[in-house]
Amino acid sequence: MKIKSILLAFLMLGMVNHAWSARVILTQGYFDPKPTTKPVPKSPEIIPEIDLDDNVLTFDVGHEDYTLCIVDMNEDIVYTVYVPSCLTTVNLPATLSGTYQLRLIPDGSSIYFYGYVMF
C-alpha cells in the first residue's frame, strides 16, 4: 500500500523515477506570451504524451517535430536533441543523475511543454 502511495505521489507531482516505466506528466509553458508572426491559436495546444523507461523516452506515433532539452535544477541545459515526427524513441545519456526538467519545444513556437524526471 505504501509503495502505491509513493508512486502515486511522484506521478501527481509530475516526477518520474527512471526505474519505472511511466508516463511523464507535461505542462505547457511560454517563452514569450506576446504574439509572434504566427497567429494566436484559438484552441489549447495538445500536450504530447511521452513515457520514460530507464533512459529511453518513447513518444506517441504522429507527434510534432520537437527540440528536446534536458535542464538541470540550476537552469543549465545539459542535453539537447532534435526529435523529428518520424522518431518514436530517444535514448538519453546514461550519465544523467538527479532531478531534471524535460522541455519539448515545437518547431517555430513560442510555447514549450515541460515535466520533471529523476534519474
C-alpha atoms as a PDB file:
ATOM      1  CA  MET A   1       0.000   0.000   0.000  1.00  0.00           C
ATOM      2  CA  LYS A   2       2.809   2.436   0.882  1.00  0.00           C
ATOM      3  CA  ILE A   3       4.624   1.740  -2.407  1.00  0.00           C
ATOM      4  CA  LYS A   4       1.486   2.546  -4.404  1.00  0.00           C
ATOM      5  CA  SER A   5       1.025   5.770  -2.407  1.00  0.00           C
ATOM      6  CA  ILE A   6       4.620   6.849  -3.020  1.00  0.00           C
ATOM      7  CA  LEU A   7       4.390   6.082  -6.758  1.00  0.00           C
ATOM      8  CA  LEU A   8       1.098   7.952  -6.986  1.00  0.00           C
ATOM      9  CA  ALA A   9       2.606  10.955  -5.179  1.00  0.00           C
ATOM     10  CA  PHE A  10       5.530  11.101  -7.632  1.00  0.00           C
ATOM     11  CA  LEU A  11       3.226  10.838 -10.631  1.00  0.00           C
ATOM     12  CA  MET A  12       0.959  13.549  -9.241  1.00  0.00           C
ATOM     13  CA  LEU A  13       3.952  15.857  -8.882  1.00  0.00           C
ATOM     14  CA  GLY A  14       4.999  15.120 -12.442  1.00  0.00           C
ATOM     15  CA  MET A  15       8.219  13.465 -11.334  1.00  0.00           C
ATOM     16  CA  VAL A  16       9.108  10.045 -12.653  1.00  0.00           C
ATOM     17  CA  ASN A  17      11.870   7.787 -11.389  1.00  0.00           C
ATOM     18  CA  HIS A  18      13.751   6.056 -14.192  1.00  0.00           C
ATOM     19  CA  ALA A  19      13.452   2.623 -12.559  1.00  0.00           C
ATOM     20  CA  TRP A  20       9.772   2.510 -13.546  1.00  0.00           C
ATOM     21  CA  SER A  21       8.263   2.797 -16.970  1.00  0.00           C
ATOM     22  CA  ALA A  22       5.846   5.650 -16.535  1.00  0.00           C
ATOM     23  CA  ARG A  23       4.137   8.482 -18.334  1.00  0.00           C
ATOM     24  CA  VAL A  24       5.898  11.830 -17.932  1.00  0.00           C
ATOM     25  CA  ILE A  25       3.317  14.437 -16.951  1.00  0.00           C
ATOM     26  CA  LEU A  26       3.839  17.565 -19.033  1.00  0.00           C
ATOM     27  CA  THR A  27       2.633  21.126 -18.537  1.00  0.00           C
ATOM     28  CA  GLN A  28       2.572  23.974 -21.051  1.00  0.00           C
ATOM     29  CA  GLY A  29       4.892  26.962 -20.653  1.00  0.00           C
ATOM     30  CA  TYR A  30       5.573  30.119 -22.679  1.00  0.00           C
ATOM     31  CA  PHE A  31       8.869  31.630 -23.795  1.00  0.00           C
ATOM     32  CA  ASP A  32       7.216  34.926 -24.691  1.00  0.00           C
ATOM     33  CA  PRO A  33       3.497  35.419 -24.165  1.00  0.00           C
ATOM     34  CA  LYS A  34       3.374  38.224 -26.752  1.00  0.00           C
ATOM     35  CA  PRO A  35       2.046  37.263 -30.196  1.00  0.00           C
ATOM     36  CA  THR A  36       4.658  36.331 -32.757  1.00  0.00           C
ATOM     37  CA  THR A  37       4.390  36.161 -36.532  1.00  0.00           C
ATOM     38  CA  LYS A  38       2.187  33.097 -36.117  1.00  0.00           C
ATOM     39  CA  PRO A  39      -1.473  33.806 -35.324  1.00  0.00           C
ATOM     40  CA  VAL A  40      -2.509  33.207 -31.724  1.00  0.00           C
ATOM     41  CA  PRO A  41      -4.242  29.802 -31.511  1.00  0.00           C
ATOM     42  CA  LYS A  42      -7.884  29.932 -30.541  1.00  0.00           C
ATOM     43  CA  SER A  43      -7.865  26.437 -29.055  1.00  0.00           C
ATOM     44  CA  PRO A  44      -5.496  24.958 -26.482  1.00  0.00           C
ATOM     45  CA  GLU A  45      -2.371  23.156 -27.635  1.00  0.00           C
ATOM     46  CA  ILE A  46      -2.424  19.364 -27.455  1.00  0.00           C
ATOM     47  CA  ILE A  47       0.046  18.318 -24.780  1.00  0.00           C
ATOM     48  CA  PRO A  48       2.234  15.473 -26.065  1.00  0.00           C
ATOM     49  CA  GLU A  49       2.338  12.131 -24.281  1.00  0.00           C
ATOM     50  CA  ILE A  50       5.726  10.572 -23.577  1.00  0.00           C
ATOM     51  CA  ASP A  51       6.859   7.614 -21.487  1.00  0.00           C
ATOM     52  CA  LEU A  52      10.185   7.122 -19.730  1.00  0.00           C
ATOM     53  CA  ASP A  53      11.726   3.682 -19.205  1.00  0.00           C
ATOM     54  CA  ASP A  54      15.248   3.867 -17.745  1.00  0.00           C
ATOM     55  CA  ASN A  55      16.967   6.285 -20.141  1.00  0.00           C
ATOM     56  CA  VAL A  56      14.600   5.784 -23.118  1.00  0.00           C
ATOM     57  CA  LEU A  57      11.864   8.322 -23.916  1.00  0.00           C
ATOM     58  CA  THR A  58       9.015   6.976 -26.056  1.00  0.00           C
ATOM     59  CA  PHE A  59       6.778   9.356 -28.000  1.00  0.00           C
ATOM     60  CA  ASP A  60       3.328   8.669 -29.409  1.00  0.00           C
ATOM     61  CA  VAL A  61       3.285   7.971 -33.140  1.00  0.00           C
ATOM     62  CA  GLY A  62       2.478  11.071 -35.188  1.00  0.00           C
ATOM     63  CA  HIS A  63       3.852  13.675 -32.809  1.00  0.00           C
ATOM     64  CA  GLU A  64       5.127  17.081 -33.948  1.00  0.00           C
ATOM     65  CA  ASP A  65       8.778  17.882 -34.584  1.00  0.00           C
ATOM     66  CA  TYR A  66      10.354  18.891 -31.270  1.00  0.00           C
ATOM     67  CA  THR A  67      13.623  20.029 -29.809  1.00  0.00           C
ATOM     68  CA  LEU A  68      14.141  18.129 -26.554  1.00  0.00           C
ATOM     69  CA  CYS A  69      16.162  19.897 -23.864  1.00  0.00           C
ATOM     70  CA  ILE A  70      17.157  18.425 -20.522  1.00  0.00           C
ATOM     71  CA  VAL A  71      17.661  21.190 -17.983  1.00  0.00           C
ATOM     72  CA  ASP A  72      19.218  20.735 -14.544  1.00  0.00           C
ATOM     73  CA  MET A  73      17.932  22.437 -11.402  1.00  0.00           C
ATOM     74  CA  ASN A  74      20.350  25.365 -11.974  1.00  0.00           C
ATOM     75  CA  GLU A  75      18.570  26.070 -15.305  1.00  0.00           C
ATOM     76  CA  ASP A  76      21.608  24.852 -17.280  1.00  0.00           C
ATOM     77  CA  ILE A  77      20.863  22.859 -20.433  1.00  0.00           C
ATOM     78  CA  VAL A  78      22.774  19.590 -20.077  1.00  0.00           C
ATOM     79  CA  TYR A  79      21.470  17.794 -23.186  1.00  0.00           C
ATOM     80  CA  THR A  80      19.573  18.772 -26.304  1.00  0.00           C
ATOM     81  CA  VAL A  81      18.456  16.793 -29.343  1.00  0.00           C
ATOM     82  CA  TYR A  82      16.120  17.346 -32.303  1.00  0.00           C
ATOM     83  CA  VAL A  83      13.240  14.836 -32.393  1.00  0.00           C
ATOM     84  CA  PRO A  84      11.577  14.651 -35.842  1.00  0.00           C
ATOM     85  CA  SER A  85       7.995  13.408 -36.101  1.00  0.00           C
ATOM     86  CA  CYS A  86       9.134  10.097 -37.630  1.00  0.00           C
ATOM     87  CA  LEU A  87      11.125   9.186 -34.482  1.00  0.00           C
ATOM     88  CA  THR A  88       9.286   7.450 -31.627  1.00  0.00           C
ATOM     89  CA  THR A  89      12.156   6.764 -29.181  1.00  0.00           C
ATOM     90  CA  VAL A  90      15.073   8.806 -27.890  1.00  0.00           C
ATOM     91  CA  ASN A  91      17.944   7.349 -25.856  1.00  0.00           C
ATOM     92  CA  LEU A  92      19.010   9.765 -23.150  1.00  0.00           C
ATOM     93  CA  PRO A  93      22.569   9.794 -21.793  1.00  0.00           C
ATOM     94  CA  ALA A  94      23.164   7.090 -19.168  1.00  0.00           C
ATOM     95  CA  THR A  95      25.312   9.567 -17.204  1.00  0.00           C
ATOM     96  CA  LEU A  96      22.296  11.617 -16.042  1.00  0.00           C
ATOM     97  CA  SER A  97      21.853  11.547 -12.276  1.00  0.00           C
ATOM     98  CA  GLY A  98      19.479  13.628 -10.188  1.00  0.00           C
ATOM     99  CA  THR A  99      16.349  15.645 -10.983  1.00  0.00           C
ATOM    100  CA  TYR A 100      15.918  17.309 -14.365  1.00  0.00           C
ATOM    101  CA  GLN A 101      13.302  19.213 -16.300  1.00  0.00           C
ATOM    102  CA  LEU A 102      12.439  17.841 -19.748  1.00  0.00           C
ATOM    103  CA  ARG A 103      11.406  20.518 -22.245  1.00  0.00           C
ATOM    104  CA  LEU A 104       9.775  19.746 -25.573  1.00  0.00           C
ATOM    105  CA  ILE A 105       9.846  22.751 -27.884  1.00  0.00           C
ATOM    106  CA  PRO A 106       7.692  22.515 -31.046  1.00  0.00           C
ATOM    107  CA  ASP A 107       9.300  23.950 -34.195  1.00  0.00           C
ATOM    108  CA  GLY A 108       8.625  27.673 -34.646  1.00  0.00           C
ATOM    109  CA  SER A 109       6.583  28.031 -31.476  1.00  0.00           C
ATOM    110  CA  SER A 110       6.695  30.370 -28.501  1.00  0.00           C
ATOM    111  CA  ILE A 111       5.375  27.621 -26.216  1.00  0.00           C
ATOM    112  CA  TYR A 112       7.031  24.560 -24.752  1.00  0.00           C
ATOM    113  CA  PHE A 113       5.980  21.540 -22.737  1.00  0.00           C
ATOM    114  CA  TYR A 114       7.839  20.542 -19.591  1.00  0.00           C
ATOM    115  CA  GLY A 115       7.873  17.883 -16.908  1.00  0.00           C
ATOM    116  CA  TYR A 116      10.256  16.659 -14.217  1.00  0.00           C
ATOM    117  CA  VAL A 117      12.104  13.349 -14.020  1.00  0.00           C
ATOM    118  CA  MET A 118      14.613  11.777 -11.632  1.00  0.00           C
ATOM    119  CA  PHE A 119      17.489   9.551 -12.708  1.00  0.00           C
END
